[in-house]
Amino acid sequence: MSDPTEERRERFSTQIRPSTQSRARATVRGVRQATGADFTLAQLVEEALERYCAHLERTYNNERPWSAATSPLPPGRL
């Protein structure tokens, strides 16, 4: 049975370098082997995004979250 306090999850996709993708997958495998924990790629990505967003909010928005987006972001290219 799922935890009623946990937010519903939604698919989130983007394109990243193959080397970054490979490193992330290797990190998940390594954490699983080192700890025996059921660690997932989704956990790694979500935790990393949460921390980096908090860093950017501290740096550029007086430590406050920005308002939720009401329209899609424009597509971007590296």
C-alpha atoms as a PDB file:
ATOM      1  CA  MET A   1       0.000   0.000   0.000  1.00  0.00           C
ATOM      2  CA  SER A   2       1.374   3.435  -0.924  1.00  0.00           C
ATOM      3  CA  ASP A   3       1.990   6.262   1.505  1.00  0.00           C
ATOM      4  CA  PRO A   4      -0.902   8.776   1.177  1.00  0.00           C
ATOM      5  CA  THR A   5       1.428  11.663   2.073  1.00  0.00           C
ATOM      6  CA  GLU A   6       3.729  10.944  -0.877  1.00  0.00           C
ATOM      7  CA  GLU A   7       3.153  13.017  -3.997  1.00  0.00           C
ATOM      8  CA  ARG A   8       2.067  11.323  -7.193  1.00  0.00           C
ATOM      9  CA  ARG A   9       4.963  10.787  -9.577  1.00  0.00           C
ATOM     10  CA  GLU A  10       4.965  12.051 -13.160  1.00  0.00           C
ATOM     11  CA  ARG A  11       7.170  11.167 -16.088  1.00  0.00           C
ATOM     12  CA  PHE A  12       9.966  13.691 -16.622  1.00  0.00           C
ATOM     13  CA  SER A  13      12.319  13.402 -19.546  1.00  0.00           C
ATOM     14  CA  THR A  14      15.173  15.315 -21.079  1.00  0.00           C
ATOM     15  CA  GLN A  15      18.194  14.592 -23.208  1.00  0.00           C
ATOM     16  CA  ILE A  16      21.597  14.299 -21.528  1.00  0.00           C
ATOM     17  CA  ARG A  17      25.070  13.264 -22.637  1.00  0.00           C
ATOM     18  CA  PRO A  18      25.561   9.488 -22.835  1.00  0.00           C
ATOM     19  CA  SER A  19      28.526   9.779 -20.469  1.00  0.00           C
ATOM     20  CA  THR A  20      26.344  11.454 -17.815  1.00  0.00           C
ATOM     21  CA  GLN A  21      23.644   8.830 -18.243  1.00  0.00           C
ATOM     22  CA  SER A  22      26.194   6.045 -17.941  1.00  0.00           C
ATOM     23  CA  ARG A  23      27.711   7.624 -14.824  1.00  0.00           C
ATOM     24  CA  ALA A  24      24.295   7.979 -13.178  1.00  0.00           C
ATOM     25  CA  ARG A  25      23.409   4.333 -13.857  1.00  0.00           C
ATOM     26  CA  ALA A  26      26.807   3.201 -12.566  1.00  0.00           C
ATOM     27  CA  THR A  27      26.301   5.292  -9.430  1.00  0.00           C
ATOM     28  CA  VAL A  28      22.934   3.644  -8.751  1.00  0.00           C
ATOM     29  CA  ARG A  29      24.483   0.193  -9.197  1.00  0.00           C
ATOM     30  CA  GLY A  30      27.401   1.156  -6.960  1.00  0.00           C
ATOM     31  CA  VAL A  31      25.174   2.454  -4.167  1.00  0.00           C
ATOM     32  CA  ARG A  32      23.074  -0.708  -4.333  1.00  0.00           C
ATOM     33  CA  GLN A  33      26.178  -2.897  -4.074  1.00  0.00           C
ATOM     34  CA  ALA A  34      27.803  -0.814  -1.340  1.00  0.00           C
ATOM     35  CA  THR A  35      24.726  -0.459   0.860  1.00  0.00           C
ATOM     36  CA  GLY A  36      22.341  -3.233  -0.101  1.00  0.00           C
ATOM     37  CA  ALA A  37      19.672  -0.509  -0.286  1.00  0.00           C
ATOM     38  CA  ASP A  38      16.949  -0.450  -2.917  1.00  0.00           C
ATOM     39  CA  PHE A  39      18.276   2.764  -4.522  1.00  0.00           C
ATOM     40  CA  THR A  40      16.799   3.815  -7.867  1.00  0.00           C
ATOM     41  CA  LEU A  41      17.726   6.083 -10.742  1.00  0.00           C
ATOM     42  CA  ALA A  42      14.565   8.076  -9.993  1.00  0.00           C
ATOM     43  CA  GLN A  43      15.776   8.650  -6.412  1.00  0.00           C
ATOM     44  CA  LEU A  44      19.190   9.807  -7.610  1.00  0.00           C
ATOM     45  CA  VAL A  45      17.716  12.243 -10.131  1.00  0.00           C
ATOM     46  CA  GLU A  46      15.027  13.593  -7.794  1.00  0.00           C
ATOM     47  CA  GLU A  47      17.452  14.142  -4.898  1.00  0.00           C
ATOM     48  CA  ALA A  48      20.008  15.804  -7.181  1.00  0.00           C
ATOM     49  CA  LEU A  49      17.389  18.119  -8.702  1.00  0.00           C
ATOM     50  CA  GLU A  50      15.981  19.050  -5.277  1.00  0.00           C
ATOM     51  CA  ARG A  51      19.450  19.963  -3.969  1.00  0.00           C
ATOM     52  CA  TYR A  52      20.466  21.909  -7.056  1.00  0.00           C
ATOM     53  CA  CYS A  53      17.165  23.817  -7.178  1.00  0.00           C
ATOM     54  CA  ALA A  54      17.629  24.736  -3.506  1.00  0.00           C
ATOM     55  CA  HIS A  55      21.161  25.951  -4.295  1.00  0.00           C
ATOM     56  CA  LEU A  56      19.921  28.112  -7.179  1.00  0.00           C
ATOM     57  CA  GLU A  57      17.087  29.505  -5.033  1.00  0.00           C
ATOM     58  CA  ARG A  58      19.583  30.449  -2.295  1.00  0.00           C
ATOM     59  CA  THR A  59      21.913  32.010  -4.841  1.00  0.00           C
ATOM     60  CA  TYR A  60      19.476  33.894  -7.063  1.00  0.00           C
ATOM     61  CA  ASN A  61      16.085  34.188  -5.320  1.00  0.00           C
ATOM     62  CA  ASN A  62      16.722  35.174  -1.691  1.00  0.00           C
ATOM     63  CA  GLU A  63      16.484  31.537  -0.546  1.00  0.00           C
ATOM     64  CA  ARG A  64      12.843  31.278  -1.713  1.00  0.00           C
ATOM     65  CA  PRO A  65      11.393  28.838  -4.249  1.00  0.00           C
ATOM     66  CA  TRP A  66      10.302  30.420  -7.517  1.00  0.00           C
ATOM     67  CA  SER A  67       6.607  30.344  -8.387  1.00  0.00           C
ATOM     68  CA  ALA A  68       5.445  27.217 -10.193  1.00  0.00           C
ATOM     69  CA  ALA A  69       5.585  27.460 -13.973  1.00  0.00           C
ATOM     70  CA  THR A  70       2.264  27.899 -15.726  1.00  0.00           C
ATOM     71  CA  SER A  71       3.575  27.408 -19.251  1.00  0.00           C
ATOM     72  CA  PRO A  72       6.112  25.038 -20.803  1.00  0.00           C
ATOM     73  CA  LEU A  73       9.767  26.004 -20.983  1.00  0.00           C
ATOM     74  CA  PRO A  74      11.083  26.810 -24.445  1.00  0.00           C
ATOM     75  CA  PRO A  75      13.128  23.979 -25.935  1.00  0.00           C
ATOM     76  CA  GLY A  76      16.851  24.292 -25.341  1.00  0.00           C
ATOM     77  CA  ARG A  77      19.983  23.006 -26.985  1.00  0.00           C
ATOM     78  CA  LEU A  78      23.517  22.532 -25.670  1.00  0.00           C
END
